[in-house]
Structure formats: structure tokens, C-alpha cells
Amino acid sequence: MRRRHFIQQTAVASSLIGLGGFGLQSFSRNDKKITILHTNDVHSHIDPFGPEDGLNANKGGVARRATLVEAIRQENPNTLLLDAGDIFQGTPYFNYFGGELEFKLMSMLKYDAATIGNHDFDNGIDGLYAQLPHAKFELISANYDFSNTVMNTHVKPYRIFNRDGIKIGIFGLGIKLDGLVDKRMYKETVYLDPVEIAQDMSRTLKEDEHCDLIICLSHLGYHYTNAPNNPSDLNLAKATKNIDLIIGGHTHTFLKKPTVVKNIEDKNVLVNQVGCYGINLGRIDFYFDSDKNKAANGTTILV
């Protein structure tokens, strides 16, 4: 009963947003539903915050997140769990175990894919590589060229998932490392322009792979007031087409529900980010009619 109440409470948090011409008026019980759950900038926060931890008191924790994820999967088996980077660095767990615990716990939660944030290089690219055996999920990044590094072949530009006949293409983007991360940490990793890469990836996933839903896992940052032209999730949404959802990270932006942005073809794109430290879990439900037109609603769930 408690789980059912939780599901009902989160499901009504926002109204349907039309994507691809499918709106609330045409929604029916027979439409297919895909649920996307996501985190970002967890920064090695394994335990919940304590009762004396100010604004974050009694929030977060991997065990609590696991309970929420399992409840949602029970409601809808057609669920994906994703992370937008900065998995590492922020508590003694990372200092002692170098990312092993984070990857093992994400694997136990059955994450499907994650992209790479700048702090995921904090033990160097060799330290990141050393933890790969503990990651039972996909690491994806399209604009980090790892060809001349130990990560070569271990990170894919995109990954395709099939759920209930719906083909879901997911690609990853990372922030420029130069000036943010010591060159010795990322070595010969080459940064490629994220907007150009996003245009290539979205075209590939739409036209070549025939995906019904296209998601970008981004660690570019939501928006920069002091540098509005910098690559960001909002700018990426405006400059591209075919992307349905951008799941962001890096700026620790707390959104109660996704931002709706018009893309280069004047179509809706959802942009979401759920803060940091595992305090929140993002949830976005996509509904597909028989012609695979789609609508979505999204909310942020406090852990």
C-alpha cells in the first residue's frame, strides 16, 4: 500500500508534454510506457546525510535510492536507470577505495548506462580504467576520443536499448577537460565539440539506427549565466534536432521537473537535472501511441 501511494504521488507531479505531435488529448490506456530514472553528480555519497546536515538532513543514500528504483521497476518493468557523470570524488569512500564501491553499488542497482564527468578522472585515467571490471553497466561518451589511452574500446559513443518494442538510443557528452582537470589525469584524451558530435549522434540514432526515443547523457552543465554561449544543455537543445531528452550534470542544478526547450526545428526537448549527492532521483515517463508518436511527463523524487 505504501509503495502504491508513492507511485501515485510521483505520477501526478506534472502534466503530459507533447513530443512529436502526441499530446494529452490523444493519450489512452493502450499506449506503451517507458520510464527513465536518472541521477547525476552523486560524488561518492553512499550513506544518507545525517540529521544535523543542514538543508540535506536525512536525505539521500544508496539503499534508499535502491528501494525507490525497485518500486518503480515493479510498477513498470520497461524502465532504464541512467547517470550523467561525476560518480567519483566527495567522500572518504572514494579516497579509500578509488571508485570500486561506487561502481559495485551502481551495478547492484542495475544501472543501464552512465557518462563520464570531469571528477571521474580524479584518480587519473588509469585509476578509472582500473575500476572498469566493477562496472556492470555501459560507460558511454561520444565527444571524448580515447583512441590513444587505456580506455580505448572500453567506452562506446552510444548504446541502444529495446523495451517493449521501443528502440531507445542513448549517447554521452562530456565537458571540456582542459583548464578543469590536470592534463596528467586525462592524458591523451581528446575533447571534441559537443554540439557537432550531438548533431552526428542524433542523426545516426534517428536515421541509421531508427530509434524511437533519443536521449543525451550530458555532463556539460545546465546553463552558464556569466558565459551564456558556452556549451550547455540548454544551448545544446536549441542547436540540435531529434533529441527527445537531455539528462544533465556538472552544475548541480536542482529542477523540480524538466525544462521544455524548443529545438532547431521548433520541437520540444526535455532537459532535466536533479542536483547532486544522490539527494534526488529523476523520473520521466514517455508514452507512445500505436504510431510511436510520443508524449512525456517528468518529476523529481526526493530520496
C-alpha atoms as a PDB file:
ATOM      1  CA  MET A   1       0.000   0.000   0.000  1.00  0.00           C
ATOM      2  CA  ARG A   2       2.804   2.423   0.878  1.00  0.00           C
ATOM      3  CA  ARG A   3       4.568   1.675  -2.405  1.00  0.00           C
ATOM      4  CA  ARG A   4       1.351   2.178  -4.386  1.00  0.00           C
ATOM      5  CA  HIS A   5       0.800   5.543  -2.670  1.00  0.00           C
ATOM      6  CA  PHE A   6       4.366   6.577  -3.539  1.00  0.00           C
ATOM      7  CA  ILE A   7       3.858   5.679  -7.198  1.00  0.00           C
ATOM      8  CA  GLN A   8       0.583   7.594  -7.336  1.00  0.00           C
ATOM      9  CA  GLN A   9       2.135  10.662  -5.734  1.00  0.00           C
ATOM     10  CA  THR A  10       5.042  10.820  -8.178  1.00  0.00           C
ATOM     11  CA  ALA A  11       2.959  10.066 -11.260  1.00  0.00           C
ATOM     12  CA  VAL A  12       0.793  13.161 -10.900  1.00  0.00           C
ATOM     13  CA  ALA A  13       3.619  15.613 -10.284  1.00  0.00           C
ATOM     14  CA  SER A  14       3.471  17.112 -13.787  1.00  0.00           C
ATOM     15  CA  SER A  15       1.244  17.054 -16.827  1.00  0.00           C
ATOM     16  CA  LEU A  16       1.951  15.446 -20.178  1.00  0.00           C
ATOM     17  CA  ILE A  17       4.219  17.354 -22.543  1.00  0.00           C
ATOM     18  CA  GLY A  18       3.628  16.876 -26.242  1.00  0.00           C
ATOM     19  CA  LEU A  19       6.575  15.458 -28.173  1.00  0.00           C
ATOM     20  CA  GLY A  20       6.295  14.622 -31.829  1.00  0.00           C
ATOM     21  CA  GLY A  21       2.680  15.725 -32.093  1.00  0.00           C
ATOM     22  CA  PHE A  22       1.299  13.438 -29.390  1.00  0.00           C
ATOM     23  CA  GLY A  23      -0.420  15.324 -26.589  1.00  0.00           C
ATOM     24  CA  LEU A  24      -2.673  14.777 -23.637  1.00  0.00           C
ATOM     25  CA  GLN A  25      -5.835  14.695 -25.706  1.00  0.00           C
ATOM     26  CA  SER A  26      -4.736  11.525 -27.546  1.00  0.00           C
ATOM     27  CA  PHE A  27      -3.399   9.613 -24.539  1.00  0.00           C
ATOM     28  CA  SER A  28      -5.003   6.206 -23.932  1.00  0.00           C
ATOM     29  CA  ARG A  29      -4.551   3.182 -21.696  1.00  0.00           C
ATOM     30  CA  ASN A  30      -3.213   1.158 -24.638  1.00  0.00           C
ATOM     31  CA  ASP A  31      -0.140   3.342 -25.167  1.00  0.00           C
ATOM     32  CA  LYS A  32       3.280   1.952 -24.319  1.00  0.00           C
ATOM     33  CA  LYS A  33       5.131   3.459 -21.387  1.00  0.00           C
ATOM     34  CA  ILE A  34       8.899   3.759 -20.979  1.00  0.00           C
ATOM     35  CA  THR A  35      10.245   5.068 -17.661  1.00  0.00           C
ATOM     36  CA  ILE A  36      13.618   6.798 -17.458  1.00  0.00           C
ATOM     37  CA  LEU A  37      15.190   7.138 -13.990  1.00  0.00           C
ATOM     38  CA  HIS A  38      18.354   9.157 -13.551  1.00  0.00           C
ATOM     39  CA  THR A  39      20.970  10.594 -11.201  1.00  0.00           C
ATOM     40  CA  ASN A  40      23.919  12.953 -11.619  1.00  0.00           C
ATOM     41  CA  ASP A  41      26.861  14.233  -9.578  1.00  0.00           C
ATOM     42  CA  VAL A  42      26.428  11.656  -6.819  1.00  0.00           C
ATOM     43  CA  HIS A  43      30.085  12.272  -5.858  1.00  0.00           C
ATOM     44  CA  SER A  44      30.658   9.078  -3.851  1.00  0.00           C
ATOM     45  CA  HIS A  45      27.790   9.766  -1.437  1.00  0.00           C
ATOM     46  CA  ILE A  46      26.922   6.260  -0.314  1.00  0.00           C
ATOM     47  CA  ASP A  47      25.276   6.973   3.043  1.00  0.00           C
ATOM     48  CA  PRO A  48      22.336   9.309   3.660  1.00  0.00           C
ATOM     49  CA  PHE A  49      23.049  12.693   5.184  1.00  0.00           C
ATOM     50  CA  GLY A  50      22.744  12.784   8.967  1.00  0.00           C
ATOM     51  CA  PRO A  51      20.060  14.611  10.966  1.00  0.00           C
ATOM     52  CA  GLU A  52      22.422  17.542  11.615  1.00  0.00           C
ATOM     53  CA  ASP A  53      23.424  18.121   7.981  1.00  0.00           C
ATOM     54  CA  GLY A  54      21.565  21.378   7.392  1.00  0.00           C
ATOM     55  CA  LEU A  55      19.488  21.572   4.223  1.00  0.00           C
ATOM     56  CA  ASN A  56      20.333  17.967   3.299  1.00  0.00           C
ATOM     57  CA  ALA A  57      19.421  16.435   6.679  1.00  0.00           C
ATOM     58  CA  ASN A  58      18.143  12.848   6.388  1.00  0.00           C
ATOM     59  CA  LYS A  59      18.249  12.905   2.583  1.00  0.00           C
ATOM     60  CA  GLY A  60      19.914  10.632   0.058  1.00  0.00           C
ATOM     61  CA  GLY A  61      21.645   7.276   0.458  1.00  0.00           C
ATOM     62  CA  VAL A  62      22.147   4.432  -1.998  1.00  0.00           C
ATOM     63  CA  ALA A  63      19.962   1.966  -0.055  1.00  0.00           C
ATOM     64  CA  ARG A  64      17.015   4.358  -0.112  1.00  0.00           C
ATOM     65  CA  ARG A  65      17.530   5.007  -3.825  1.00  0.00           C
ATOM     66  CA  ALA A  66      17.565   1.250  -4.436  1.00  0.00           C
ATOM     67  CA  THR A  67      14.185   0.928  -2.688  1.00  0.00           C
ATOM     68  CA  LEU A  68      12.665   3.668  -4.860  1.00  0.00           C
ATOM     69  CA  VAL A  69      14.112   2.219  -8.062  1.00  0.00           C
ATOM     70  CA  GLU A  70      12.817  -1.256  -7.252  1.00  0.00           C
ATOM     71  CA  ALA A  71       9.320   0.102  -6.529  1.00  0.00           C
ATOM     72  CA  ILE A  72       9.218   1.870  -9.880  1.00  0.00           C
ATOM     73  CA  ARG A  73      10.518  -1.194 -11.718  1.00  0.00           C
ATOM     74  CA  GLN A  74       7.748  -3.237 -10.105  1.00  0.00           C
ATOM     75  CA  GLU A  75       5.242  -0.728 -11.459  1.00  0.00           C
ATOM     76  CA  ASN A  76       6.840  -0.604 -14.924  1.00  0.00           C
ATOM     77  CA  PRO A  77       9.391  -3.254 -15.976  1.00  0.00           C
ATOM     78  CA  ASN A  78      10.198  -1.125 -19.053  1.00  0.00           C
ATOM     79  CA  THR A  79      12.492   1.140 -17.037  1.00  0.00           C
ATOM     80  CA  LEU A  80      16.035   2.389 -17.649  1.00  0.00           C
ATOM     81  CA  LEU A  81      18.353   3.737 -14.931  1.00  0.00           C
ATOM     82  CA  LEU A  82      20.990   6.255 -16.081  1.00  0.00           C
ATOM     83  CA  ASP A  83      23.677   8.533 -14.612  1.00  0.00           C
ATOM     84  CA  ALA A  84      25.111  11.777 -16.024  1.00  0.00           C
ATOM     85  CA  GLY A  85      28.602  11.633 -14.524  1.00  0.00           C
ATOM     86  CA  ASP A  86      30.749  12.721 -11.596  1.00  0.00           C
ATOM     87  CA  ILE A  87      30.210   9.380  -9.935  1.00  0.00           C
ATOM     88  CA  PHE A  88      33.529   9.753  -8.074  1.00  0.00           C
ATOM     89  CA  GLN A  89      35.050  12.143  -5.508  1.00  0.00           C
ATOM     90  CA  GLY A  90      33.409  13.719  -2.498  1.00  0.00           C
ATOM     91  CA  THR A  91      33.590  11.323   0.473  1.00  0.00           C
ATOM     92  CA  PRO A  92      36.263   9.113   2.099  1.00  0.00           C
ATOM     93  CA  TYR A  93      34.788   6.105   0.259  1.00  0.00           C
ATOM     94  CA  PHE A  94      36.478   7.363  -2.899  1.00  0.00           C
ATOM     95  CA  ASN A  95      39.721   8.199  -1.094  1.00  0.00           C
ATOM     96  CA  TYR A  96      39.950   4.683   0.340  1.00  0.00           C
ATOM     97  CA  PHE A  97      38.545   2.542  -2.472  1.00  0.00           C
ATOM     98  CA  GLY A  98      39.168   4.610  -5.621  1.00  0.00           C
ATOM     99  CA  GLY A  99      35.702   4.168  -7.117  1.00  0.00           C
ATOM    100  CA  GLU A 100      35.341   0.416  -6.608  1.00  0.00           C
ATOM    101  CA  LEU A 101      32.454   0.772  -4.167  1.00  0.00           C
ATOM    102  CA  GLU A 102      30.592   3.279  -6.337  1.00  0.00           C
ATOM    103  CA  PHE A 103      30.747   1.036  -9.417  1.00  0.00           C
ATOM    104  CA  LYS A 104      29.823  -2.071  -7.449  1.00  0.00           C
ATOM    105  CA  LEU A 105      26.775  -0.421  -5.912  1.00  0.00           C
ATOM    106  CA  MET A 106      25.636   1.018  -9.244  1.00  0.00           C
ATOM    107  CA  SER A 107      25.943  -2.464 -10.690  1.00  0.00           C
ATOM    108  CA  MET A 108      23.833  -3.865  -7.840  1.00  0.00           C
ATOM    109  CA  LEU A 109      21.194  -1.214  -8.586  1.00  0.00           C
ATOM    110  CA  LYS A 110      21.358  -2.386 -12.215  1.00  0.00           C
ATOM    111  CA  TYR A 111      22.197   0.918 -13.818  1.00  0.00           C
ATOM    112  CA  ASP A 112      21.967   0.598 -17.586  1.00  0.00           C
ATOM    113  CA  ALA A 113      24.389   3.344 -18.644  1.00  0.00           C
ATOM    114  CA  ALA A 114      26.407   6.320 -17.403  1.00  0.00           C
ATOM    115  CA  THR A 115      28.509   9.029 -18.969  1.00  0.00           C
ATOM    116  CA  ILE A 116      31.842  10.356 -17.689  1.00  0.00           C
ATOM    117  CA  GLY A 117      32.238  13.562 -15.659  1.00  0.00           C
ATOM    118  CA  ASN A 118      35.389  15.554 -15.009  1.00  0.00           C
ATOM    119  CA  HIS A 119      35.723  14.226 -11.435  1.00  0.00           C
ATOM    120  CA  ASP A 120      35.718  10.678 -12.732  1.00  0.00           C
ATOM    121  CA  PHE A 121      39.337  11.411 -13.760  1.00  0.00           C
ATOM    122  CA  ASP A 122      40.353  12.348 -10.197  1.00  0.00           C
ATOM    123  CA  ASN A 123      42.409   9.161  -9.819  1.00  0.00           C
ATOM    124  CA  GLY A 124      43.698   9.640 -13.336  1.00  0.00           C
ATOM    125  CA  ILE A 125      42.559   7.825 -16.431  1.00  0.00           C
ATOM    126  CA  ASP A 126      44.485   4.759 -15.241  1.00  0.00           C
ATOM    127  CA  GLY A 127      42.525   4.836 -11.981  1.00  0.00           C
ATOM    128  CA  LEU A 128      39.245   4.987 -13.910  1.00  0.00           C
ATOM    129  CA  TYR A 129      40.355   2.113 -16.129  1.00  0.00           C
ATOM    130  CA  ALA A 130      41.286   0.024 -13.072  1.00  0.00           C
ATOM    131  CA  GLN A 131      37.685   0.198 -11.812  1.00  0.00           C
ATOM    132  CA  LEU A 132      36.032  -0.918 -15.070  1.00  0.00           C
ATOM    133  CA  PRO A 133      35.792  -4.596 -14.017  1.00  0.00           C
ATOM    134  CA  HIS A 134      33.430  -3.493 -11.236  1.00  0.00           C
ATOM    135  CA  ALA A 135      31.046  -1.679 -13.621  1.00  0.00           C
ATOM    136  CA  LYS A 136      28.332  -3.992 -14.937  1.00  0.00           C
ATOM    137  CA  PHE A 137      26.790  -1.162 -16.931  1.00  0.00           C
ATOM    138  CA  GLU A 138      27.722   0.767 -20.066  1.00  0.00           C
ATOM    139  CA  LEU A 139      30.031   3.803 -19.988  1.00  0.00           C
ATOM    140  CA  ILE A 140      29.173   5.999 -22.967  1.00  0.00           C
ATOM    141  CA  SER A 141      30.828   9.160 -24.266  1.00  0.00           C
ATOM    142  CA  ALA A 142      30.759  10.407 -27.844  1.00  0.00           C
ATOM    143  CA  ASN A 143      32.938  13.515 -27.593  1.00  0.00           C
ATOM    144  CA  TYR A 144      35.857  12.105 -25.598  1.00  0.00           C
ATOM    145  CA  ASP A 145      38.203  10.396 -28.038  1.00  0.00           C
ATOM    146  CA  PHE A 146      40.048   7.760 -26.010  1.00  0.00           C
ATOM    147  CA  SER A 147      41.892   6.250 -29.006  1.00  0.00           C
ATOM    148  CA  ASN A 148      45.382   6.825 -27.583  1.00  0.00           C
ATOM    149  CA  THR A 149      44.566   5.893 -23.985  1.00  0.00           C
ATOM    150  CA  VAL A 150      43.953   2.781 -21.905  1.00  0.00           C
ATOM    151  CA  MET A 151      40.200   3.488 -22.178  1.00  0.00           C
ATOM    152  CA  ASN A 152      40.225   2.844 -25.920  1.00  0.00           C
ATOM    153  CA  THR A 153      37.408   0.406 -26.900  1.00  0.00           C
ATOM    154  CA  HIS A 154      36.029   0.444 -23.334  1.00  0.00           C
ATOM    155  CA  VAL A 155      33.763   3.458 -23.848  1.00  0.00           C
ATOM    156  CA  LYS A 156      31.165   3.494 -26.620  1.00  0.00           C
ATOM    157  CA  PRO A 157      29.742   6.687 -28.184  1.00  0.00           C
ATOM    158  CA  TYR A 158      26.192   5.398 -27.859  1.00  0.00           C
ATOM    159  CA  ARG A 159      24.148   2.413 -26.782  1.00  0.00           C
ATOM    160  CA  ILE A 160      20.761   1.161 -27.958  1.00  0.00           C
ATOM    161  CA  PHE A 161      18.197  -0.455 -25.665  1.00  0.00           C
ATOM    162  CA  ASN A 162      14.934  -2.143 -26.616  1.00  0.00           C
ATOM    163  CA  ARG A 163      11.975  -2.024 -24.231  1.00  0.00           C
ATOM    164  CA  ASP A 164       8.504  -3.293 -25.197  1.00  0.00           C
ATOM    165  CA  GLY A 165       9.204  -2.783 -28.897  1.00  0.00           C
ATOM    166  CA  ILE A 166      10.512   0.763 -28.360  1.00  0.00           C
ATOM    167  CA  LYS A 167      14.060   1.402 -29.567  1.00  0.00           C
ATOM    168  CA  ILE A 168      15.950   3.796 -27.273  1.00  0.00           C
ATOM    169  CA  GLY A 169      19.250   5.358 -28.360  1.00  0.00           C
ATOM    170  CA  ILE A 170      21.462   6.954 -25.717  1.00  0.00           C
ATOM    171  CA  PHE A 171      24.700   8.877 -26.317  1.00  0.00           C
ATOM    172  CA  GLY A 172      27.030  10.657 -23.905  1.00  0.00           C
ATOM    173  CA  LEU A 173      28.756  14.051 -23.836  1.00  0.00           C
ATOM    174  CA  GLY A 174      31.450  15.378 -21.509  1.00  0.00           C
ATOM    175  CA  ILE A 175      32.673  18.837 -20.576  1.00  0.00           C
ATOM    176  CA  LYS A 176      35.958  20.310 -21.848  1.00  0.00           C
ATOM    177  CA  LEU A 177      38.702  18.970 -19.584  1.00  0.00           C
ATOM    178  CA  ASP A 178      41.437  21.472 -20.431  1.00  0.00           C
ATOM    179  CA  GLY A 179      41.611  24.038 -17.624  1.00  0.00           C
ATOM    180  CA  LEU A 180      39.318  21.975 -15.431  1.00  0.00           C
ATOM    181  CA  VAL A 181      41.334  18.764 -14.983  1.00  0.00           C
ATOM    182  CA  ASP A 182      45.110  18.403 -14.815  1.00  0.00           C
ATOM    183  CA  LYS A 183      46.393  17.158 -18.173  1.00  0.00           C
ATOM    184  CA  ARG A 184      48.289  14.384 -16.375  1.00  0.00           C
ATOM    185  CA  MET A 185      44.951  12.970 -15.231  1.00  0.00           C
ATOM    186  CA  TYR A 186      43.295  12.556 -18.621  1.00  0.00           C
ATOM    187  CA  LYS A 187      46.494  12.204 -20.682  1.00  0.00           C
ATOM    188  CA  GLU A 188      45.784  11.833 -24.429  1.00  0.00           C
ATOM    189  CA  THR A 189      42.008  12.058 -24.181  1.00  0.00           C
ATOM    190  CA  VAL A 190      40.815  14.362 -26.979  1.00  0.00           C
ATOM    191  CA  TYR A 191      37.807  16.635 -26.456  1.00  0.00           C
ATOM    192  CA  LEU A 192      35.514  17.034 -29.482  1.00  0.00           C
ATOM    193  CA  ASP A 193      32.932  19.784 -29.971  1.00  0.00           C
ATOM    194  CA  PRO A 194      29.795  18.580 -28.177  1.00  0.00           C
ATOM    195  CA  VAL A 195      27.267  20.323 -30.432  1.00  0.00           C
ATOM    196  CA  GLU A 196      28.815  18.906 -33.607  1.00  0.00           C
ATOM    197  CA  ILE A 197      29.028  15.453 -32.056  1.00  0.00           C
ATOM    198  CA  ALA A 198      25.424  15.676 -30.815  1.00  0.00           C
ATOM    199  CA  GLN A 199      24.273  16.530 -34.327  1.00  0.00           C
ATOM    200  CA  ASP A 200      26.121  13.498 -35.680  1.00  0.00           C
ATOM    201  CA  MET A 201      24.907  11.173 -32.929  1.00  0.00           C
ATOM    202  CA  SER A 202      21.261  12.228 -33.136  1.00  0.00           C
ATOM    203  CA  ARG A 203      21.292  11.823 -36.928  1.00  0.00           C
ATOM    204  CA  THR A 204      22.882   8.372 -36.628  1.00  0.00           C
ATOM    205  CA  LEU A 205      20.411   7.215 -33.998  1.00  0.00           C
ATOM    206  CA  LYS A 206      17.384   8.608 -35.857  1.00  0.00           C
ATOM    207  CA  GLU A 207      18.196   7.903 -39.477  1.00  0.00           C
ATOM    208  CA  ASP A 208      20.580   4.936 -39.392  1.00  0.00           C
ATOM    209  CA  GLU A 209      19.503   3.117 -36.228  1.00  0.00           C
ATOM    210  CA  HIS A 210      15.803   4.128 -36.466  1.00  0.00           C
ATOM    211  CA  CYS A 211      15.444   4.847 -32.750  1.00  0.00           C
ATOM    212  CA  ASP A 212      12.048   5.839 -31.393  1.00  0.00           C
ATOM    213  CA  LEU A 213      13.494   7.721 -28.406  1.00  0.00           C
ATOM    214  CA  ILE A 214      16.827   9.567 -28.310  1.00  0.00           C
ATOM    215  CA  ILE A 215      18.466  10.559 -25.028  1.00  0.00           C
ATOM    216  CA  CYS A 216      21.657  12.534 -24.397  1.00  0.00           C
ATOM    217  CA  LEU A 217      23.530  11.895 -21.142  1.00  0.00           C
ATOM    218  CA  SER A 218      25.350  15.193 -20.697  1.00  0.00           C
ATOM    219  CA  HIS A 219      27.986  16.443 -18.291  1.00  0.00           C
ATOM    220  CA  LEU A 220      28.154  19.864 -19.960  1.00  0.00           C
ATOM    221  CA  GLY A 221      26.177  21.784 -17.339  1.00  0.00           C
ATOM    222  CA  TYR A 222      22.632  23.153 -17.435  1.00  0.00           C
ATOM    223  CA  HIS A 223      23.352  26.834 -18.200  1.00  0.00           C
ATOM    224  CA  TYR A 224      26.051  29.461 -17.526  1.00  0.00           C
ATOM    225  CA  THR A 225      24.743  32.943 -16.716  1.00  0.00           C
ATOM    226  CA  ASN A 226      28.212  34.516 -16.912  1.00  0.00           C
ATOM    227  CA  ALA A 227      29.064  32.699 -20.151  1.00  0.00           C
ATOM    228  CA  PRO A 228      25.720  32.176 -21.925  1.00  0.00           C
ATOM    229  CA  ASN A 229      27.314  30.956 -25.158  1.00  0.00           C
ATOM    230  CA  ASN A 230      29.311  28.178 -23.513  1.00  0.00           C
ATOM    231  CA  PRO A 231      28.267  24.632 -24.409  1.00  0.00           C
ATOM    232  CA  SER A 232      25.420  23.769 -22.055  1.00  0.00           C
ATOM    233  CA  ASP A 233      22.343  21.581 -22.021  1.00  0.00           C
ATOM    234  CA  LEU A 234      20.004  24.457 -22.881  1.00  0.00           C
ATOM    235  CA  ASN A 235      22.203  25.591 -25.773  1.00  0.00           C
ATOM    236  CA  LEU A 236      22.591  22.011 -26.979  1.00  0.00           C
ATOM    237  CA  ALA A 237      18.821  21.520 -27.054  1.00  0.00           C
ATOM    238  CA  LYS A 238      18.331  24.710 -29.089  1.00  0.00           C
ATOM    239  CA  ALA A 239      21.084  23.892 -31.620  1.00  0.00           C
ATOM    240  CA  THR A 240      20.151  20.303 -32.488  1.00  0.00           C
ATOM    241  CA  LYS A 241      17.247  18.133 -33.613  1.00  0.00           C
ATOM    242  CA  ASN A 242      15.944  14.603 -32.951  1.00  0.00           C
ATOM    243  CA  ILE A 243      16.970  14.618 -29.271  1.00  0.00           C
ATOM    244  CA  ASP A 244      13.964  13.984 -27.014  1.00  0.00           C
ATOM    245  CA  LEU A 245      15.625  14.222 -23.603  1.00  0.00           C
ATOM    246  CA  ILE A 246      18.865  15.673 -22.242  1.00  0.00           C
ATOM    247  CA  ILE A 247      19.805  14.351 -18.802  1.00  0.00           C
ATOM    248  CA  GLY A 248      22.372  16.743 -17.396  1.00  0.00           C
ATOM    249  CA  GLY A 249      25.054  17.050 -14.762  1.00  0.00           C
ATOM    250  CA  HIS A 250      28.044  19.143 -13.638  1.00  0.00           C
ATOM    251  CA  THR A 251      26.272  22.332 -12.465  1.00  0.00           C
ATOM    252  CA  HIS A 252      24.390  20.609  -9.598  1.00  0.00           C
ATOM    253  CA  THR A 253      21.162  22.228 -10.797  1.00  0.00           C
ATOM    254  CA  PHE A 254      18.045  21.267  -8.834  1.00  0.00           C
ATOM    255  CA  LEU A 255      14.987  21.118 -11.115  1.00  0.00           C
ATOM    256  CA  LYS A 256      11.564  20.115  -9.799  1.00  0.00           C
ATOM    257  CA  LYS A 257      10.593  18.969 -13.271  1.00  0.00           C
ATOM    258  CA  PRO A 258      12.205  19.030 -16.734  1.00  0.00           C
ATOM    259  CA  THR A 259      12.678  22.287 -18.620  1.00  0.00           C
ATOM    260  CA  VAL A 260      10.997  22.327 -22.040  1.00  0.00           C
ATOM    261  CA  VAL A 261      13.192  23.824 -24.788  1.00  0.00           C
ATOM    262  CA  LYS A 262      12.430  24.330 -28.494  1.00  0.00           C
ATOM    263  CA  ASN A 263      14.997  22.698 -30.774  1.00  0.00           C
ATOM    264  CA  ILE A 264      16.220  23.896 -34.153  1.00  0.00           C
ATOM    265  CA  GLU A 265      13.016  22.532 -35.736  1.00  0.00           C
ATOM    266  CA  ASP A 266      10.793  24.206 -33.111  1.00  0.00           C
ATOM    267  CA  LYS A 267      10.012  20.852 -31.455  1.00  0.00           C
ATOM    268  CA  ASN A 268      10.023  20.215 -27.718  1.00  0.00           C
ATOM    269  CA  VAL A 269      13.104  18.838 -25.972  1.00  0.00           C
ATOM    270  CA  LEU A 270      13.123  17.956 -22.283  1.00  0.00           C
ATOM    271  CA  VAL A 271      16.170  18.999 -20.239  1.00  0.00           C
ATOM    272  CA  ASN A 272      16.486  17.666 -16.709  1.00  0.00           C
ATOM    273  CA  GLN A 273      18.995  17.632 -13.837  1.00  0.00           C
ATOM    274  CA  VAL A 274      18.398  16.592 -10.229  1.00  0.00           C
ATOM    275  CA  GLY A 275      21.010  18.414  -8.181  1.00  0.00           C
ATOM    276  CA  CYS A 276      23.739  16.320  -6.592  1.00  0.00           C
ATOM    277  CA  TYR A 277      24.846  13.818  -3.932  1.00  0.00           C
ATOM    278  CA  GLY A 278      22.027  11.352  -4.583  1.00  0.00           C
ATOM    279  CA  ILE A 279      19.505  13.593  -2.823  1.00  0.00           C
ATOM    280  CA  ASN A 280      17.025  13.249  -5.698  1.00  0.00           C
ATOM    281  CA  LEU A 281      16.039  10.695  -8.309  1.00  0.00           C
ATOM    282  CA  GLY A 282      14.780  11.970 -11.650  1.00  0.00           C
ATOM    283  CA  ARG A 283      11.831  10.240 -13.287  1.00  0.00           C
ATOM    284  CA  ILE A 284      10.482  10.809 -16.787  1.00  0.00           C
ATOM    285  CA  ASP A 285       7.708   8.676 -18.287  1.00  0.00           C
ATOM    286  CA  PHE A 286       7.376   8.507 -22.065  1.00  0.00           C
ATOM    287  CA  TYR A 287       4.111   7.344 -23.643  1.00  0.00           C
ATOM    288  CA  PHE A 288       3.975   6.010 -27.207  1.00  0.00           C
ATOM    289  CA  ASP A 289       0.831   5.568 -29.260  1.00  0.00           C
ATOM    290  CA  SER A 290       0.416   2.883 -31.942  1.00  0.00           C
ATOM    291  CA  ASP A 291       2.252   5.093 -34.477  1.00  0.00           C
ATOM    292  CA  LYS A 292       5.082   5.701 -31.974  1.00  0.00           C
ATOM    293  CA  ASN A 293       4.221   9.353 -31.537  1.00  0.00           C
ATOM    294  CA  LYS A 294       5.165  10.301 -28.005  1.00  0.00           C
ATOM    295  CA  ALA A 295       4.386  12.441 -25.000  1.00  0.00           C
ATOM    296  CA  ALA A 296       6.153  12.665 -21.648  1.00  0.00           C
ATOM    297  CA  ASN A 297       5.837  13.772 -18.072  1.00  0.00           C
ATOM    298  CA  GLY A 298       8.612  14.199 -15.566  1.00  0.00           C
ATOM    299  CA  THR A 299       9.234  14.854 -11.913  1.00  0.00           C
ATOM    300  CA  THR A 300      11.965  14.873  -9.284  1.00  0.00           C
ATOM    301  CA  ILE A 301      11.643  12.418  -6.407  1.00  0.00           C
ATOM    302  CA  LEU A 302      13.238  13.292  -3.063  1.00  0.00           C
ATOM    303  CA  VAL A 303      15.265  10.404  -1.681  1.00  0.00           C
END
